[in-house]
Amino acid sequence: MNQMSILERRRIEALVLKNVYEVIRERSGEDEAQAAIGEAVSRSAIEQGKSFADELGRTPTIQDFADIQPLWTKENALEIDVISQGEDHFDFNVTRCRYSEMYRDMGLGHIGHLLSCNRDGDFCIGYNPAMKL
């Protein structure tokens, strides 16, 4: 995939989505703004998951998922402690999330869950629907 870090990609996306969010909020209210951003980010995450799977050329496994984690942890964007990993699971705890810190610094902490956290499960829908987050 692209050489740009996912953290930088999310920052650029957030700069655009911030304005979209504000316009929708002004026109239709907070609930509609959050719903629209949430749906748009969800669709994007599913598409990105499909793109990763297509690039792999086969149905991704848990090991494939674990193998791409460095894309999300690059530049210490996400610090994790792996608890357990096997053929059917990849368990870890997030100990630091620079994505969340970045959204907070951008004044978007109140929708950070829509911009980043919620997209993880949706990525899996596109990547391999059998995977559950």
C-alpha atoms as a PDB file:
ATOM      1  CA  MET A   1       0.000   0.000   0.000  1.00  0.00           C
ATOM      2  CA  ASN A   2       0.912   3.648   0.240  1.00  0.00           C
ATOM      3  CA  GLN A   3       4.116   4.712   2.041  1.00  0.00           C
ATOM      4  CA  MET A   4       2.294   7.435   4.013  1.00  0.00           C
ATOM      5  CA  SER A   5       1.778   6.417   7.615  1.00  0.00           C
ATOM      6  CA  ILE A   6      -1.768   5.665   8.669  1.00  0.00           C
ATOM      7  CA  LEU A   7      -1.436   8.293  11.399  1.00  0.00           C
ATOM      8  CA  GLU A   8      -0.671  10.958   8.782  1.00  0.00           C
ATOM      9  CA  ARG A   9      -3.462   9.682   6.545  1.00  0.00           C
ATOM     10  CA  ARG A  10      -5.936   9.932   9.439  1.00  0.00           C
ATOM     11  CA  ARG A  11      -4.735  13.473  10.179  1.00  0.00           C
ATOM     12  CA  ILE A  12      -5.410  14.556   6.596  1.00  0.00           C
ATOM     13  CA  GLU A  13      -8.793  12.815   6.575  1.00  0.00           C
ATOM     14  CA  ALA A  14      -9.691  14.513   9.864  1.00  0.00           C
ATOM     15  CA  LEU A  15      -8.812  17.953   8.486  1.00  0.00           C
ATOM     16  CA  VAL A  16     -11.362  17.444   5.702  1.00  0.00           C
ATOM     17  CA  LEU A  17     -13.973  15.672   7.820  1.00  0.00           C
ATOM     18  CA  LYS A  18     -13.825  18.410  10.459  1.00  0.00           C
ATOM     19  CA  ASN A  19     -15.261  20.882   7.949  1.00  0.00           C
ATOM     20  CA  VAL A  20     -17.839  18.406   6.652  1.00  0.00           C
ATOM     21  CA  TYR A  21     -18.888  17.657  10.236  1.00  0.00           C
ATOM     22  CA  GLU A  22     -19.261  21.366  11.065  1.00  0.00           C
ATOM     23  CA  VAL A  23     -21.369  22.075   7.957  1.00  0.00           C
ATOM     24  CA  ILE A  24     -23.706  19.160   8.653  1.00  0.00           C
ATOM     25  CA  ARG A  25     -23.952  20.130  12.328  1.00  0.00           C
ATOM     26  CA  GLU A  26     -24.867  23.720  11.425  1.00  0.00           C
ATOM     27  CA  ARG A  27     -27.485  22.608   8.897  1.00  0.00           C
ATOM     28  CA  SER A  28     -28.945  19.513  10.526  1.00  0.00           C
ATOM     29  CA  GLY A  29     -27.754  19.272  14.123  1.00  0.00           C
ATOM     30  CA  GLU A  30     -25.244  17.312  16.156  1.00  0.00           C
ATOM     31  CA  ASP A  31     -26.932  13.919  15.862  1.00  0.00           C
ATOM     32  CA  GLU A  32     -27.098  14.060  12.064  1.00  0.00           C
ATOM     33  CA  ALA A  33     -23.504  15.309  11.820  1.00  0.00           C
ATOM     34  CA  GLN A  34     -22.220  12.423  13.923  1.00  0.00           C
ATOM     35  CA  ALA A  35     -24.367   9.908  12.041  1.00  0.00           C
ATOM     36  CA  ALA A  36     -23.128  11.140   8.652  1.00  0.00           C
ATOM     37  CA  ILE A  37     -19.461  11.159   9.666  1.00  0.00           C
ATOM     38  CA  GLY A  38     -19.824   7.754  11.305  1.00  0.00           C
ATOM     39  CA  GLU A  39     -21.398   6.257   8.178  1.00  0.00           C
ATOM     40  CA  ALA A  40     -18.841   7.824   5.828  1.00  0.00           C
ATOM     41  CA  VAL A  41     -15.899   6.600   7.904  1.00  0.00           C
ATOM     42  CA  SER A  42     -17.479   3.146   8.215  1.00  0.00           C
ATOM     43  CA  ARG A  43     -17.840   2.841   4.446  1.00  0.00           C
ATOM     44  CA  SER A  44     -14.264   4.011   3.957  1.00  0.00           C
ATOM     45  CA  ALA A  45     -12.954   1.470   6.477  1.00  0.00           C
ATOM     46  CA  ILE A  46     -14.811  -1.390   4.777  1.00  0.00           C
ATOM     47  CA  GLU A  47     -13.410  -0.329   1.394  1.00  0.00           C
ATOM     48  CA  GLN A  48      -9.895  -0.131   2.830  1.00  0.00           C
ATOM     49  CA  GLY A  49     -10.267  -3.590   4.356  1.00  0.00           C
ATOM     50  CA  LYS A  50     -11.369  -4.972   0.987  1.00  0.00           C
ATOM     51  CA  SER A  51      -8.416  -3.275  -0.681  1.00  0.00           C
ATOM     52  CA  PHE A  52      -5.971  -4.904   1.749  1.00  0.00           C
ATOM     53  CA  ALA A  53      -7.610  -8.304   1.184  1.00  0.00           C
ATOM     54  CA  ASP A  54      -7.555  -7.869  -2.596  1.00  0.00           C
ATOM     55  CA  GLU A  55      -3.878  -6.967  -2.467  1.00  0.00           C
ATOM     56  CA  LEU A  56      -3.218 -10.169  -0.529  1.00  0.00           C
ATOM     57  CA  GLY A  57      -5.035 -12.169  -3.201  1.00  0.00           C
ATOM     58  CA  ARG A  58      -6.715 -14.615  -0.827  1.00  0.00           C
ATOM     59  CA  THR A  59      -8.894 -14.650   2.247  1.00  0.00           C
ATOM     60  CA  PRO A  60      -6.789 -13.104   5.020  1.00  0.00           C
ATOM     61  CA  THR A  61      -6.018 -15.088   8.155  1.00  0.00           C
ATOM     62  CA  ILE A  62      -5.452 -13.914  11.712  1.00  0.00           C
ATOM     63  CA  GLN A  63      -1.717 -14.133  11.004  1.00  0.00           C
ATOM     64  CA  ASP A  64      -2.154 -11.876   7.974  1.00  0.00           C
ATOM     65  CA  PHE A  65      -3.996  -9.403  10.200  1.00  0.00           C
ATOM     66  CA  ALA A  66      -1.203  -9.552  12.788  1.00  0.00           C
ATOM     67  CA  ASP A  67       1.363  -9.072  10.019  1.00  0.00           C
ATOM     68  CA  ILE A  68      -0.177  -5.745   8.938  1.00  0.00           C
ATOM     69  CA  GLN A  69      -0.387  -4.306  12.456  1.00  0.00           C
ATOM     70  CA  PRO A  70       2.940  -2.467  12.012  1.00  0.00           C
ATOM     71  CA  LEU A  71       1.129  -0.212   9.547  1.00  0.00           C
ATOM     72  CA  TRP A  72      -1.041   1.058  12.425  1.00  0.00           C
ATOM     73  CA  THR A  73       1.738   1.088  15.014  1.00  0.00           C
ATOM     74  CA  LYS A  74       4.249   2.882  12.743  1.00  0.00           C
ATOM     75  CA  GLU A  75       5.736   6.000  14.362  1.00  0.00           C
ATOM     76  CA  ASN A  76       4.430   4.705  17.715  1.00  0.00           C
ATOM     77  CA  ALA A  77       0.957   5.742  16.573  1.00  0.00           C
ATOM     78  CA  LEU A  78      -0.519   2.832  18.454  1.00  0.00           C
ATOM     79  CA  GLU A  79       1.333   1.135  21.269  1.00  0.00           C
ATOM     80  CA  ILE A  80       0.116  -2.360  22.046  1.00  0.00           C
ATOM     81  CA  ASP A  81       0.931  -5.226  24.371  1.00  0.00           C
ATOM     82  CA  VAL A  82       0.235  -8.553  22.686  1.00  0.00           C
ATOM     83  CA  ILE A  83      -1.471 -10.838  25.192  1.00  0.00           C
ATOM     84  CA  SER A  84      -1.896 -13.951  23.090  1.00  0.00           C
ATOM     85  CA  GLN A  85      -1.757 -14.945  19.448  1.00  0.00           C
ATOM     86  CA  GLY A  86      -2.745 -18.149  17.690  1.00  0.00           C
ATOM     87  CA  GLU A  87      -4.401 -19.417  14.524  1.00  0.00           C
ATOM     88  CA  ASP A  88      -7.818 -18.205  15.647  1.00  0.00           C
ATOM     89  CA  HIS A  89      -7.035 -15.147  17.760  1.00  0.00           C
ATOM     90  CA  PHE A  90      -4.830 -12.095  18.151  1.00  0.00           C
ATOM     91  CA  ASP A  91      -5.374 -10.537  21.569  1.00  0.00           C
ATOM     92  CA  PHE A  92      -3.740  -7.288  22.583  1.00  0.00           C
ATOM     93  CA  ASN A  93      -4.239  -4.276  24.808  1.00  0.00           C
ATOM     94  CA  VAL A  94      -3.746  -0.755  23.530  1.00  0.00           C
ATOM     95  CA  THR A  95      -1.506   1.125  25.954  1.00  0.00           C
ATOM     96  CA  ARG A  96      -1.236   4.379  24.010  1.00  0.00           C
ATOM     97  CA  CYS A  97      -3.191   5.772  21.093  1.00  0.00           C
ATOM     98  CA  ARG A  98      -1.653   8.745  19.312  1.00  0.00           C
ATOM     99  CA  TYR A  99      -4.652   8.773  16.979  1.00  0.00           C
ATOM    100  CA  SER A 100      -6.841   9.762  19.929  1.00  0.00           C
ATOM    101  CA  GLU A 101      -4.257  12.284  21.118  1.00  0.00           C
ATOM    102  CA  MET A 102      -4.088  13.807  17.639  1.00  0.00           C
ATOM    103  CA  TYR A 103      -7.871  14.185  17.358  1.00  0.00           C
ATOM    104  CA  ARG A 104      -7.970  15.804  20.786  1.00  0.00           C
ATOM    105  CA  ASP A 105      -5.222  18.236  19.746  1.00  0.00           C
ATOM    106  CA  MET A 106      -7.201  19.052  16.582  1.00  0.00           C
ATOM    107  CA  GLY A 107     -10.290  19.886  18.649  1.00  0.00           C
ATOM    108  CA  LEU A 108     -12.004  16.711  17.452  1.00  0.00           C
ATOM    109  CA  GLY A 109     -11.838  14.631  20.604  1.00  0.00           C
ATOM    110  CA  HIS A 110     -15.636  14.530  20.796  1.00  0.00           C
ATOM    111  CA  ILE A 111     -15.805  12.646  17.469  1.00  0.00           C
ATOM    112  CA  GLY A 112     -12.507  10.784  17.673  1.00  0.00           C
ATOM    113  CA  HIS A 113     -14.378   7.527  18.206  1.00  0.00           C
ATOM    114  CA  LEU A 114     -16.073   8.073  14.831  1.00  0.00           C
ATOM    115  CA  LEU A 115     -12.840   8.972  13.058  1.00  0.00           C
ATOM    116  CA  SER A 116     -10.724   6.102  14.326  1.00  0.00           C
ATOM    117  CA  CYS A 117     -11.881   3.649  16.995  1.00  0.00           C
ATOM    118  CA  ASN A 118     -15.149   2.614  15.350  1.00  0.00           C
ATOM    119  CA  ARG A 119     -13.451   2.013  12.025  1.00  0.00           C
ATOM    120  CA  ASP A 120     -11.427  -0.958  13.285  1.00  0.00           C
ATOM    121  CA  GLY A 121     -14.332  -3.399  13.307  1.00  0.00           C
ATOM    122  CA  ASP A 122     -15.528  -2.066   9.965  1.00  0.00           C
ATOM    123  CA  PHE A 123     -12.073  -2.624   8.473  1.00  0.00           C
ATOM    124  CA  CYS A 124     -12.435  -6.285   9.451  1.00  0.00           C
ATOM    125  CA  ILE A 125     -15.797  -6.486   7.642  1.00  0.00           C
ATOM    126  CA  GLY A 126     -14.005  -5.622   4.415  1.00  0.00           C
ATOM    127  CA  TYR A 127     -10.801  -7.507   5.198  1.00  0.00           C
ATOM    128  CA  ASN A 128     -12.365 -10.788   6.290  1.00  0.00           C
ATOM    129  CA  PRO A 129     -15.995 -10.784   7.471  1.00  0.00           C
ATOM    130  CA  ALA A 130     -15.315 -13.913   9.553  1.00  0.00           C
ATOM    131  CA  MET A 131     -12.971 -11.884  11.790  1.00  0.00           C
ATOM    132  CA  LYS A 132     -14.505 -10.233  14.822  1.00  0.00           C
ATOM    133  CA  LEU A 133     -12.921  -7.407  16.712  1.00  0.00           C
END
